[in-house]
Amino acid sequence: MITINTYKAHIDRNISTRKLAELTGLSKSTINNIDCGKTSPNLQQLEAIAKALDLKMTELFKSEYK
């Protein structure tokens, strides 16, 4: 299973959900839903989040398979 780990990525950088929403142009509730796994982000949302966190999009993915 592959999960998207946006919450850890922005908390590790001391960026709040509200600030990430501002940086990406997404709503706070959208960021929260992505963080909680309630919503899967589309490609544009992933790209915006990765850019705001200065990450490659692949760095947002976490796989249970090693």
N, C-alpha and C. Protein backbone atom coordinates (compact mmCIF):
# COMPACT_ATOMS: atom_id res chain seq x y z
N MET A 1 0.84 -1.19 0.00
CA MET A 1 0.00 0.00 0.00
C MET A 1 0.88 1.25 0.00
N ILE A 2 0.47 2.22 -0.77
CA ILE A 2 1.21 3.50 -0.83
C ILE A 2 0.35 4.57 -0.19
N THR A 3 0.94 5.31 0.72
CA THR A 3 0.24 6.42 1.34
C THR A 3 0.97 7.72 1.04
N ILE A 4 0.24 8.79 1.12
CA ILE A 4 0.83 10.10 0.89
C ILE A 4 1.00 10.76 2.26
N ASN A 5 2.23 11.12 2.56
CA ASN A 5 2.56 11.59 3.90
C ASN A 5 2.77 13.10 3.93
N THR A 6 1.70 13.83 3.64
CA THR A 6 1.81 15.29 3.64
C THR A 6 1.91 15.85 5.05
N TYR A 7 1.20 15.25 5.98
CA TYR A 7 1.19 15.79 7.36
C TYR A 7 2.59 15.84 7.95
N LYS A 8 3.28 14.71 7.92
CA LYS A 8 4.64 14.66 8.47
C LYS A 8 5.55 15.64 7.73
N ALA A 9 5.40 15.72 6.42
CA ALA A 9 6.25 16.61 5.63
C ALA A 9 6.10 18.07 6.04
N HIS A 10 4.88 18.53 6.26
CA HIS A 10 4.76 19.96 6.61
C HIS A 10 4.99 20.20 8.09
N ILE A 11 4.67 19.27 8.95
CA ILE A 11 4.94 19.45 10.38
C ILE A 11 6.46 19.43 10.64
N ASP A 12 7.17 18.54 9.96
CA ASP A 12 8.63 18.49 10.10
C ASP A 12 9.29 19.81 9.69
N ARG A 13 8.62 20.57 8.85
CA ARG A 13 9.16 21.85 8.39
C ARG A 13 8.53 23.03 9.13
N ASN A 14 7.81 22.74 10.21
CA ASN A 14 7.15 23.77 11.01
C ASN A 14 6.19 24.62 10.19
N ILE A 15 5.48 23.97 9.26
CA ILE A 15 4.48 24.65 8.45
C ILE A 15 3.12 24.12 8.87
N SER A 16 2.27 24.99 9.34
CA SER A 16 0.95 24.58 9.80
C SER A 16 0.05 24.23 8.61
N THR A 17 -1.04 23.59 8.93
CA THR A 17 -2.03 23.27 7.90
C THR A 17 -2.53 24.55 7.24
N ARG A 18 -2.78 25.56 8.06
CA ARG A 18 -3.25 26.84 7.53
C ARG A 18 -2.22 27.48 6.59
N LYS A 19 -0.95 27.46 7.00
CA LYS A 19 0.10 28.05 6.17
C LYS A 19 0.27 27.27 4.87
N LEU A 20 0.21 25.93 4.96
CA LEU A 20 0.34 25.12 3.74
C LEU A 20 -0.82 25.41 2.79
N ALA A 21 -2.00 25.60 3.34
CA ALA A 21 -3.15 25.97 2.51
C ALA A 21 -2.89 27.30 1.79
N GLU A 22 -2.36 28.26 2.51
CA GLU A 22 -2.04 29.56 1.90
C GLU A 22 -0.99 29.41 0.80
N LEU A 23 0.05 28.63 1.07
CA LEU A 23 1.14 28.46 0.11
C LEU A 23 0.72 27.72 -1.16
N THR A 24 -0.25 26.83 -1.02
CA THR A 24 -0.66 26.01 -2.15
C THR A 24 -1.89 26.54 -2.88
N GLY A 25 -2.65 27.41 -2.22
CA GLY A 25 -3.90 27.86 -2.81
C GLY A 25 -5.04 26.88 -2.60
N LEU A 26 -4.80 25.83 -1.82
CA LEU A 26 -5.83 24.86 -1.48
C LEU A 26 -6.51 25.29 -0.19
N SER A 27 -7.70 24.80 0.03
CA SER A 27 -8.38 25.15 1.28
C SER A 27 -7.77 24.38 2.45
N LYS A 28 -7.95 24.93 3.64
CA LYS A 28 -7.46 24.26 4.85
C LYS A 28 -8.13 22.90 5.00
N SER A 29 -9.40 22.81 4.68
CA SER A 29 -10.10 21.53 4.81
C SER A 29 -9.58 20.51 3.80
N THR A 30 -9.20 20.94 2.62
CA THR A 30 -8.61 20.02 1.63
C THR A 30 -7.28 19.48 2.14
N ILE A 31 -6.44 20.37 2.67
CA ILE A 31 -5.16 19.92 3.23
C ILE A 31 -5.40 18.95 4.37
N ASN A 32 -6.33 19.27 5.25
CA ASN A 32 -6.64 18.41 6.38
C ASN A 32 -7.13 17.04 5.91
N ASN A 33 -8.00 17.02 4.90
CA ASN A 33 -8.51 15.75 4.38
C ASN A 33 -7.40 14.91 3.74
N ILE A 34 -6.47 15.55 3.07
CA ILE A 34 -5.33 14.83 2.49
C ILE A 34 -4.45 14.30 3.61
N ASP A 35 -4.18 15.14 4.60
CA ASP A 35 -3.35 14.73 5.74
C ASP A 35 -3.94 13.51 6.45
N CYS A 36 -5.26 13.48 6.59
CA CYS A 36 -5.93 12.39 7.33
C CYS A 36 -6.21 11.17 6.46
N GLY A 37 -5.93 11.27 5.18
CA GLY A 37 -6.19 10.15 4.28
C GLY A 37 -7.64 10.03 3.85
N LYS A 38 -8.45 11.05 4.10
CA LYS A 38 -9.85 11.02 3.70
C LYS A 38 -10.01 11.30 2.21
N THR A 39 -9.04 12.02 1.66
CA THR A 39 -9.06 12.41 0.25
C THR A 39 -7.70 12.11 -0.36
N SER A 40 -7.71 11.61 -1.58
CA SER A 40 -6.46 11.45 -2.32
C SER A 40 -6.28 12.69 -3.18
N PRO A 41 -5.11 13.31 -3.09
CA PRO A 41 -4.90 14.51 -3.89
C PRO A 41 -4.74 14.17 -5.37
N ASN A 42 -5.15 15.10 -6.22
CA ASN A 42 -4.90 14.92 -7.64
C ASN A 42 -3.47 15.39 -7.94
N LEU A 43 -3.07 15.23 -9.16
CA LEU A 43 -1.69 15.55 -9.55
C LEU A 43 -1.35 17.02 -9.31
N GLN A 44 -2.27 17.91 -9.62
CA GLN A 44 -2.02 19.34 -9.43
C GLN A 44 -1.87 19.68 -7.95
N GLN A 45 -2.69 19.07 -7.11
CA GLN A 45 -2.59 19.30 -5.67
C GLN A 45 -1.27 18.78 -5.13
N LEU A 46 -0.88 17.58 -5.55
CA LEU A 46 0.41 17.01 -5.13
C LEU A 46 1.56 17.91 -5.53
N GLU A 47 1.50 18.39 -6.75
CA GLU A 47 2.56 19.26 -7.25
C GLU A 47 2.64 20.55 -6.43
N ALA A 48 1.50 21.13 -6.11
CA ALA A 48 1.46 22.37 -5.32
C ALA A 48 2.00 22.13 -3.92
N ILE A 49 1.63 21.01 -3.31
CA ILE A 49 2.12 20.70 -1.96
C ILE A 49 3.62 20.47 -1.98
N ALA A 50 4.10 19.69 -2.93
CA ALA A 50 5.53 19.42 -3.03
C ALA A 50 6.32 20.72 -3.24
N LYS A 51 5.83 21.57 -4.10
CA LYS A 51 6.50 22.85 -4.37
C LYS A 51 6.53 23.72 -3.11
N ALA A 52 5.42 23.79 -2.41
CA ALA A 52 5.34 24.60 -1.19
C ALA A 52 6.29 24.10 -0.11
N LEU A 53 6.53 22.78 -0.10
CA LEU A 53 7.40 22.18 0.92
C LEU A 53 8.84 22.00 0.43
N ASP A 54 9.10 22.46 -0.80
CA ASP A 54 10.41 22.32 -1.41
C ASP A 54 10.86 20.85 -1.44
N LEU A 55 9.96 20.01 -1.93
CA LEU A 55 10.21 18.58 -2.05
C LEU A 55 9.93 18.11 -3.47
N LYS A 56 10.47 16.96 -3.82
CA LYS A 56 10.06 16.27 -5.03
C LYS A 56 8.75 15.58 -4.70
N MET A 57 7.87 15.44 -5.67
CA MET A 57 6.59 14.79 -5.41
C MET A 57 6.78 13.37 -4.86
N THR A 58 7.78 12.68 -5.33
CA THR A 58 8.02 11.30 -4.87
C THR A 58 8.35 11.24 -3.39
N GLU A 59 8.86 12.33 -2.83
CA GLU A 59 9.19 12.35 -1.41
C GLU A 59 7.95 12.38 -0.52
N LEU A 60 6.80 12.63 -1.10
CA LEU A 60 5.55 12.64 -0.34
C LEU A 60 4.94 11.25 -0.22
N PHE A 61 5.46 10.30 -0.99
CA PHE A 61 4.91 8.95 -0.96
C PHE A 61 5.67 8.08 0.02
N LYS A 62 4.91 7.26 0.72
CA LYS A 62 5.50 6.32 1.65
C LYS A 62 4.95 4.94 1.31
N SER A 63 5.83 4.00 1.11
CA SER A 63 5.41 2.65 0.76
C SER A 63 5.66 1.71 1.93
N GLU A 64 4.74 0.78 2.11
CA GLU A 64 4.93 -0.23 3.14
C GLU A 64 5.87 -1.33 2.65
N TYR A 65 6.15 -1.33 1.36
CA TYR A 65 7.02 -2.35 0.78
C TYR A 65 8.45 -1.86 0.74
N LYS A 66 9.34 -2.68 1.16
CA LYS A 66 10.76 -2.30 1.18
C LYS A 66 11.50 -3.08 0.11
